[in-house]
Amino acid sequence: MVRIEIEHTGRLHSEAIHAESGSRLQTDAPVDNGGRGESFSPTDLVATALGTCITTTMDLYAQKRGINIDGTKAVVIKHMTSQPSRRISKLEVTVEMPLSANHPQRAGLENAAINCPVKKSLSSEMEIPITFSWRDDL
């Protein structure tokens, strides 16, 4: 169990505190929804959670096998819709791997990414295509 404390600080801003570590982050509503875009929006954090979950889950898999994936990058493009109500419709993910495309653990690393807990927790109504680029492809 993890406790996260959130305080609305006014003007569409909130601050969240990770109780265990004391780490803090701020949010702002997006510009297209009346905010000033001064920080991550709540839906930006969903995209961030997906990208960081993918890289973390891949690293957990890699570490168990003695593989170094430092330098792995993930880019998440968030698409919003207002139909039938405002929500995230698609999160496009590109993962850039610092390893060769013929790495013997390629399938396992990709499988770890595809099955990360955040992705498995998101609505099946949301499109979540994941594309992998390996060092040879870059």
N, C-alpha and C. Protein backbone atom coordinates (compact mmCIF):
# COMPACT_ATOMS: atom_id res chain seq x y z
N MET A 1 0.84 -1.17 0.00
CA MET A 1 0.00 0.00 0.00
C MET A 1 0.90 1.25 0.00
N VAL A 2 0.53 2.21 -0.79
CA VAL A 2 1.24 3.49 -0.86
C VAL A 2 0.22 4.60 -0.61
N ARG A 3 0.63 5.55 0.20
CA ARG A 3 -0.23 6.70 0.50
C ARG A 3 0.29 7.92 -0.25
N ILE A 4 -0.61 8.57 -0.98
CA ILE A 4 -0.29 9.81 -1.68
C ILE A 4 -1.29 10.85 -1.20
N GLU A 5 -0.78 11.96 -0.70
CA GLU A 5 -1.63 13.02 -0.17
C GLU A 5 -1.67 14.15 -1.18
N ILE A 6 -2.89 14.61 -1.50
CA ILE A 6 -3.07 15.66 -2.49
C ILE A 6 -3.77 16.84 -1.84
N GLU A 7 -3.23 18.03 -2.12
CA GLU A 7 -3.87 19.27 -1.66
C GLU A 7 -4.11 20.17 -2.86
N HIS A 8 -5.36 20.61 -3.00
CA HIS A 8 -5.68 21.60 -4.03
C HIS A 8 -5.14 22.94 -3.53
N THR A 9 -4.27 23.57 -4.31
CA THR A 9 -3.61 24.81 -3.88
C THR A 9 -4.19 26.05 -4.55
N GLY A 10 -5.22 25.88 -5.36
CA GLY A 10 -5.89 27.02 -5.99
C GLY A 10 -5.50 27.20 -7.44
N ARG A 11 -6.35 27.92 -8.15
CA ARG A 11 -6.11 28.25 -9.56
C ARG A 11 -5.78 27.02 -10.40
N LEU A 12 -6.53 25.95 -10.21
CA LEU A 12 -6.42 24.69 -10.95
C LEU A 12 -5.10 23.96 -10.71
N HIS A 13 -4.42 24.30 -9.61
CA HIS A 13 -3.17 23.63 -9.23
C HIS A 13 -3.42 22.69 -8.04
N SER A 14 -2.68 21.60 -8.01
CA SER A 14 -2.66 20.70 -6.87
C SER A 14 -1.23 20.30 -6.60
N GLU A 15 -0.97 19.87 -5.37
CA GLU A 15 0.34 19.34 -5.01
C GLU A 15 0.13 17.96 -4.41
N ALA A 16 0.91 17.01 -4.86
CA ALA A 16 0.83 15.65 -4.34
C ALA A 16 2.12 15.35 -3.59
N ILE A 17 1.97 14.66 -2.47
CA ILE A 17 3.12 14.27 -1.66
C ILE A 17 3.11 12.75 -1.53
N HIS A 18 4.23 12.16 -1.90
CA HIS A 18 4.44 10.72 -1.72
C HIS A 18 4.83 10.54 -0.25
N ALA A 19 3.90 10.03 0.56
CA ALA A 19 4.08 10.02 2.02
C ALA A 19 5.34 9.29 2.45
N GLU A 20 5.68 8.20 1.80
CA GLU A 20 6.84 7.40 2.21
C GLU A 20 8.16 8.13 2.02
N SER A 21 8.30 8.83 0.88
CA SER A 21 9.59 9.47 0.58
C SER A 21 9.58 10.99 0.81
N GLY A 22 8.40 11.58 0.85
CA GLY A 22 8.31 13.03 0.97
C GLY A 22 8.44 13.75 -0.37
N SER A 23 8.64 13.02 -1.45
CA SER A 23 8.73 13.65 -2.77
C SER A 23 7.42 14.36 -3.09
N ARG A 24 7.55 15.49 -3.79
CA ARG A 24 6.39 16.30 -4.13
C ARG A 24 6.33 16.54 -5.64
N LEU A 25 5.12 16.68 -6.13
CA LEU A 25 4.95 17.13 -7.51
C LEU A 25 3.71 17.99 -7.58
N GLN A 26 3.73 18.89 -8.55
CA GLN A 26 2.61 19.81 -8.74
C GLN A 26 1.93 19.51 -10.07
N THR A 27 0.65 19.80 -10.10
CA THR A 27 -0.10 19.68 -11.35
C THR A 27 -0.81 20.99 -11.64
N ASP A 28 -1.12 21.16 -12.92
CA ASP A 28 -1.91 22.29 -13.38
C ASP A 28 -2.84 21.75 -14.46
N ALA A 29 -3.99 22.31 -14.57
CA ALA A 29 -4.89 21.92 -15.66
C ALA A 29 -4.25 22.33 -16.99
N PRO A 30 -4.52 21.56 -18.05
CA PRO A 30 -3.95 21.94 -19.35
C PRO A 30 -4.59 23.22 -19.88
N VAL A 31 -3.86 23.88 -20.76
CA VAL A 31 -4.32 25.15 -21.33
C VAL A 31 -5.68 24.98 -22.01
N ASP A 32 -5.87 23.87 -22.74
CA ASP A 32 -7.13 23.68 -23.45
C ASP A 32 -8.31 23.34 -22.53
N ASN A 33 -8.03 23.28 -21.23
CA ASN A 33 -9.10 23.02 -20.27
C ASN A 33 -9.10 24.08 -19.16
N GLY A 34 -8.61 25.29 -19.49
CA GLY A 34 -8.68 26.40 -18.57
C GLY A 34 -7.47 26.62 -17.67
N GLY A 35 -6.48 25.75 -17.75
CA GLY A 35 -5.28 25.91 -16.94
C GLY A 35 -4.25 26.78 -17.64
N ARG A 36 -3.11 26.91 -17.01
CA ARG A 36 -2.03 27.71 -17.60
C ARG A 36 -0.92 26.81 -18.15
N GLY A 37 -1.03 25.51 -17.97
CA GLY A 37 -0.02 24.60 -18.49
C GLY A 37 1.34 24.78 -17.83
N GLU A 38 1.34 25.14 -16.55
CA GLU A 38 2.60 25.41 -15.86
C GLU A 38 3.28 24.16 -15.32
N SER A 39 2.61 23.04 -15.40
CA SER A 39 3.17 21.79 -14.91
C SER A 39 2.45 20.63 -15.61
N PHE A 40 2.77 19.43 -15.20
CA PHE A 40 2.06 18.27 -15.71
C PHE A 40 0.58 18.40 -15.36
N SER A 41 -0.28 17.99 -16.29
CA SER A 41 -1.70 17.88 -15.98
C SER A 41 -1.92 16.47 -15.41
N PRO A 42 -3.06 16.22 -14.78
CA PRO A 42 -3.32 14.88 -14.29
C PRO A 42 -3.25 13.81 -15.41
N THR A 43 -3.75 14.15 -16.60
CA THR A 43 -3.66 13.15 -17.67
C THR A 43 -2.24 13.01 -18.20
N ASP A 44 -1.43 14.07 -18.10
CA ASP A 44 0.00 13.95 -18.43
C ASP A 44 0.66 12.94 -17.50
N LEU A 45 0.24 12.92 -16.24
CA LEU A 45 0.82 11.99 -15.28
C LEU A 45 0.45 10.54 -15.61
N VAL A 46 -0.71 10.34 -16.22
CA VAL A 46 -1.06 8.98 -16.67
C VAL A 46 -0.07 8.55 -17.76
N ALA A 47 0.20 9.44 -18.72
CA ALA A 47 1.16 9.14 -19.78
C ALA A 47 2.55 8.91 -19.19
N THR A 48 2.91 9.74 -18.22
CA THR A 48 4.21 9.61 -17.55
C THR A 48 4.30 8.29 -16.81
N ALA A 49 3.23 7.94 -16.13
CA ALA A 49 3.20 6.66 -15.39
C ALA A 49 3.39 5.49 -16.35
N LEU A 50 2.75 5.54 -17.51
CA LEU A 50 2.91 4.46 -18.47
C LEU A 50 4.36 4.36 -18.95
N GLY A 51 4.93 5.47 -19.36
CA GLY A 51 6.30 5.44 -19.87
C GLY A 51 7.31 4.98 -18.83
N THR A 52 7.19 5.50 -17.61
CA THR A 52 8.14 5.10 -16.57
C THR A 52 7.90 3.68 -16.11
N CYS A 53 6.67 3.21 -16.14
CA CYS A 53 6.39 1.83 -15.79
C CYS A 53 7.02 0.89 -16.82
N ILE A 54 6.91 1.24 -18.09
CA ILE A 54 7.51 0.42 -19.15
C ILE A 54 9.02 0.31 -18.95
N THR A 55 9.70 1.43 -18.75
CA THR A 55 11.16 1.38 -18.60
C THR A 55 11.56 0.68 -17.30
N THR A 56 10.80 0.89 -16.24
CA THR A 56 11.11 0.22 -14.96
C THR A 56 10.90 -1.28 -15.06
N THR A 57 9.80 -1.70 -15.66
CA THR A 57 9.52 -3.13 -15.79
C THR A 57 10.56 -3.81 -16.67
N MET A 58 10.98 -3.13 -17.73
CA MET A 58 12.03 -3.68 -18.59
C MET A 58 13.34 -3.80 -17.81
N ASP A 59 13.64 -2.80 -16.97
CA ASP A 59 14.88 -2.85 -16.18
C ASP A 59 14.83 -3.97 -15.15
N LEU A 60 13.69 -4.18 -14.53
CA LEU A 60 13.56 -5.30 -13.58
C LEU A 60 13.87 -6.63 -14.28
N TYR A 61 13.31 -6.80 -15.47
CA TYR A 61 13.57 -8.00 -16.27
C TYR A 61 15.06 -8.09 -16.61
N ALA A 62 15.63 -6.98 -17.06
CA ALA A 62 17.03 -6.95 -17.49
C ALA A 62 17.99 -7.25 -16.33
N GLN A 63 17.74 -6.62 -15.18
CA GLN A 63 18.64 -6.81 -14.04
C GLN A 63 18.71 -8.26 -13.61
N LYS A 64 17.58 -8.96 -13.66
CA LYS A 64 17.56 -10.38 -13.27
C LYS A 64 18.42 -11.24 -14.20
N ARG A 65 18.71 -10.70 -15.37
CA ARG A 65 19.49 -11.45 -16.37
C ARG A 65 20.86 -10.83 -16.62
N GLY A 66 21.22 -9.86 -15.80
CA GLY A 66 22.54 -9.23 -15.92
C GLY A 66 22.70 -8.36 -17.16
N ILE A 67 21.60 -7.78 -17.64
CA ILE A 67 21.62 -6.93 -18.84
C ILE A 67 21.53 -5.47 -18.41
N ASN A 68 22.36 -4.63 -18.99
CA ASN A 68 22.33 -3.20 -18.71
C ASN A 68 21.54 -2.50 -19.80
N ILE A 69 20.43 -1.89 -19.41
CA ILE A 69 19.63 -1.14 -20.40
C ILE A 69 19.65 0.36 -20.11
N ASP A 70 20.66 0.83 -19.37
CA ASP A 70 20.80 2.27 -19.12
C ASP A 70 20.80 3.00 -20.46
N GLY A 71 20.12 4.11 -20.51
CA GLY A 71 20.03 4.87 -21.75
C GLY A 71 18.76 4.57 -22.54
N THR A 72 17.99 3.58 -22.09
CA THR A 72 16.70 3.31 -22.73
C THR A 72 15.83 4.55 -22.60
N LYS A 73 15.13 4.89 -23.68
CA LYS A 73 14.26 6.07 -23.68
C LYS A 73 12.86 5.67 -24.10
N ALA A 74 11.89 6.30 -23.50
CA ALA A 74 10.50 6.11 -23.91
C ALA A 74 9.91 7.48 -24.18
N VAL A 75 9.16 7.59 -25.25
CA VAL A 75 8.42 8.80 -25.58
C VAL A 75 6.95 8.41 -25.64
N VAL A 76 6.12 9.14 -24.93
CA VAL A 76 4.68 8.87 -24.92
C VAL A 76 3.96 10.09 -25.47
N ILE A 77 3.14 9.87 -26.49
CA ILE A 77 2.32 10.94 -27.07
C ILE A 77 0.88 10.69 -26.63
N LYS A 78 0.33 11.68 -25.95
CA LYS A 78 -1.02 11.57 -25.39
C LYS A 78 -2.02 12.23 -26.33
N HIS A 79 -3.09 11.51 -26.64
CA HIS A 79 -4.18 12.03 -27.45
C HIS A 79 -5.44 12.10 -26.58
N MET A 80 -6.09 13.24 -26.59
CA MET A 80 -7.32 13.43 -25.83
C MET A 80 -8.52 13.44 -26.78
N THR A 81 -9.67 13.10 -26.24
CA THR A 81 -10.92 13.22 -26.98
C THR A 81 -11.96 13.82 -26.05
N SER A 82 -12.99 14.37 -26.62
CA SER A 82 -14.10 14.88 -25.80
C SER A 82 -15.36 14.07 -26.03
N GLN A 83 -15.24 13.02 -26.83
CA GLN A 83 -16.40 12.20 -27.16
C GLN A 83 -16.26 10.80 -26.59
N PRO A 84 -17.16 10.24 -25.87
CA PRO A 84 -18.40 10.89 -25.41
C PRO A 84 -18.16 11.85 -24.26
N SER A 85 -17.02 11.74 -23.59
CA SER A 85 -16.65 12.71 -22.56
C SER A 85 -15.13 12.88 -22.60
N ARG A 86 -14.63 13.91 -21.96
CA ARG A 86 -13.19 14.19 -21.99
C ARG A 86 -12.42 13.04 -21.35
N ARG A 87 -11.46 12.50 -22.09
CA ARG A 87 -10.65 11.39 -21.60
C ARG A 87 -9.45 11.21 -22.53
N ILE A 88 -8.51 10.39 -22.10
CA ILE A 88 -7.38 10.02 -22.95
C ILE A 88 -7.89 8.95 -23.91
N SER A 89 -7.71 9.16 -25.21
CA SER A 89 -8.16 8.18 -26.19
C SER A 89 -7.03 7.26 -26.64
N LYS A 90 -5.80 7.79 -26.60
CA LYS A 90 -4.67 7.02 -27.12
C LYS A 90 -3.38 7.48 -26.47
N LEU A 91 -2.54 6.53 -26.13
CA LEU A 91 -1.18 6.81 -25.66
C LEU A 91 -0.24 6.04 -26.58
N GLU A 92 0.43 6.78 -27.46
CA GLU A 92 1.40 6.17 -28.39
C GLU A 92 2.76 6.14 -27.73
N VAL A 93 3.35 4.96 -27.66
CA VAL A 93 4.64 4.82 -26.98
C VAL A 93 5.70 4.35 -27.97
N THR A 94 6.85 5.02 -27.93
CA THR A 94 8.03 4.58 -28.67
C THR A 94 9.12 4.33 -27.64
N VAL A 95 9.70 3.14 -27.67
CA VAL A 95 10.78 2.79 -26.76
C VAL A 95 12.05 2.63 -27.59
N GLU A 96 13.07 3.42 -27.25
CA GLU A 96 14.37 3.33 -27.94
C GLU A 96 15.33 2.55 -27.05
N MET A 97 15.76 1.41 -27.57
CA MET A 97 16.63 0.51 -26.81
C MET A 97 18.10 0.68 -27.23
N PRO A 98 19.00 0.69 -26.24
CA PRO A 98 20.43 0.83 -26.56
C PRO A 98 21.09 -0.49 -26.92
N LEU A 99 20.30 -1.52 -27.15
CA LEU A 99 20.82 -2.86 -27.46
C LEU A 99 20.56 -3.20 -28.92
N SER A 100 21.29 -4.16 -29.41
CA SER A 100 21.12 -4.61 -30.79
C SER A 100 19.77 -5.31 -30.98
N ALA A 101 19.22 -5.17 -32.16
CA ALA A 101 17.93 -5.81 -32.47
C ALA A 101 17.99 -7.32 -32.38
N ASN A 102 19.17 -7.90 -32.51
CA ASN A 102 19.27 -9.36 -32.43
C ASN A 102 19.68 -9.83 -31.03
N HIS A 103 19.49 -8.97 -30.02
CA HIS A 103 19.81 -9.35 -28.64
C HIS A 103 18.97 -10.57 -28.25
N PRO A 104 19.58 -11.56 -27.59
CA PRO A 104 18.84 -12.79 -27.25
C PRO A 104 17.67 -12.57 -26.30
N GLN A 105 17.64 -11.46 -25.58
CA GLN A 105 16.52 -11.20 -24.65
C GLN A 105 15.53 -10.18 -25.20
N ARG A 106 15.61 -9.91 -26.50
CA ARG A 106 14.71 -8.92 -27.10
C ARG A 106 13.25 -9.23 -26.82
N ALA A 107 12.82 -10.44 -27.10
CA ALA A 107 11.40 -10.80 -26.92
C ALA A 107 10.99 -10.66 -25.46
N GLY A 108 11.84 -11.06 -24.54
CA GLY A 108 11.52 -10.95 -23.13
C GLY A 108 11.42 -9.51 -22.67
N LEU A 109 12.32 -8.67 -23.15
CA LEU A 109 12.28 -7.25 -22.80
C LEU A 109 11.01 -6.59 -23.35
N GLU A 110 10.68 -6.89 -24.58
CA GLU A 110 9.46 -6.32 -25.18
C GLU A 110 8.23 -6.82 -24.44
N ASN A 111 8.22 -8.10 -24.07
CA ASN A 111 7.09 -8.67 -23.34
C ASN A 111 6.94 -8.00 -21.97
N ALA A 112 8.06 -7.73 -21.31
CA ALA A 112 8.02 -7.04 -20.01
C ALA A 112 7.35 -5.68 -20.18
N ALA A 113 7.72 -4.95 -21.22
CA ALA A 113 7.14 -3.63 -21.48
C ALA A 113 5.64 -3.71 -21.72
N ILE A 114 5.25 -4.62 -22.57
CA ILE A 114 3.84 -4.76 -22.96
C ILE A 114 2.97 -5.15 -21.78
N ASN A 115 3.57 -5.82 -20.79
CA ASN A 115 2.80 -6.29 -19.64
C ASN A 115 3.06 -5.50 -18.36
N CYS A 116 3.51 -4.26 -18.49
CA CYS A 116 3.78 -3.47 -17.28
C CYS A 116 2.46 -3.23 -16.54
N PRO A 117 2.51 -3.11 -15.22
CA PRO A 117 1.29 -2.95 -14.42
C PRO A 117 0.42 -1.75 -14.79
N VAL A 118 1.02 -0.64 -15.15
CA VAL A 118 0.21 0.53 -15.52
C VAL A 118 -0.58 0.23 -16.79
N LYS A 119 0.07 -0.32 -17.80
CA LYS A 119 -0.64 -0.63 -19.05
C LYS A 119 -1.79 -1.59 -18.79
N LYS A 120 -1.55 -2.58 -17.95
CA LYS A 120 -2.60 -3.57 -17.64
C LYS A 120 -3.75 -2.96 -16.83
N SER A 121 -3.50 -1.80 -16.21
CA SER A 121 -4.52 -1.15 -15.38
C SER A 121 -5.37 -0.14 -16.15
N LEU A 122 -4.96 0.22 -17.35
CA LEU A 122 -5.68 1.23 -18.13
C LEU A 122 -6.87 0.63 -18.87
N SER A 123 -7.82 1.45 -19.20
CA SER A 123 -9.04 1.02 -19.87
C SER A 123 -8.75 0.37 -21.21
N SER A 124 -9.50 -0.68 -21.51
CA SER A 124 -9.36 -1.34 -22.81
C SER A 124 -9.90 -0.45 -23.93
N GLU A 125 -10.62 0.61 -23.59
CA GLU A 125 -11.10 1.56 -24.60
C GLU A 125 -9.99 2.47 -25.12
N MET A 126 -8.87 2.51 -24.40
CA MET A 126 -7.76 3.37 -24.78
C MET A 126 -6.80 2.60 -25.69
N GLU A 127 -6.43 3.22 -26.81
CA GLU A 127 -5.43 2.61 -27.69
C GLU A 127 -4.05 2.85 -27.08
N ILE A 128 -3.22 1.78 -27.05
CA ILE A 128 -1.88 1.93 -26.49
C ILE A 128 -0.89 1.17 -27.38
N PRO A 129 -0.60 1.70 -28.58
CA PRO A 129 0.41 1.04 -29.42
C PRO A 129 1.81 1.31 -28.88
N ILE A 130 2.63 0.27 -28.85
CA ILE A 130 4.01 0.40 -28.40
C ILE A 130 4.92 -0.03 -29.53
N THR A 131 5.83 0.86 -29.91
CA THR A 131 6.81 0.58 -30.96
C THR A 131 8.19 0.56 -30.33
N PHE A 132 9.00 -0.43 -30.70
CA PHE A 132 10.36 -0.54 -30.19
C PHE A 132 11.35 -0.23 -31.30
N SER A 133 12.35 0.58 -30.97
CA SER A 133 13.46 0.85 -31.88
C SER A 133 14.72 0.36 -31.19
N TRP A 134 15.43 -0.52 -31.85
CA TRP A 134 16.66 -1.08 -31.30
C TRP A 134 17.84 -0.35 -31.91
N ARG A 135 18.97 -0.41 -31.27
CA ARG A 135 20.16 0.36 -31.66
C ARG A 135 20.41 0.29 -33.17
N ASP A 136 20.25 -0.85 -33.78
CA ASP A 136 20.47 -1.01 -35.22
C ASP A 136 19.49 -0.19 -36.05
N ASP A 137 18.30 0.07 -35.46
CA ASP A 137 17.23 0.79 -36.18
C ASP A 137 17.40 2.30 -36.09
N LEU A 138 18.13 2.77 -35.08
CA LEU A 138 18.21 4.21 -34.81
C LEU A 138 19.13 4.93 -35.77
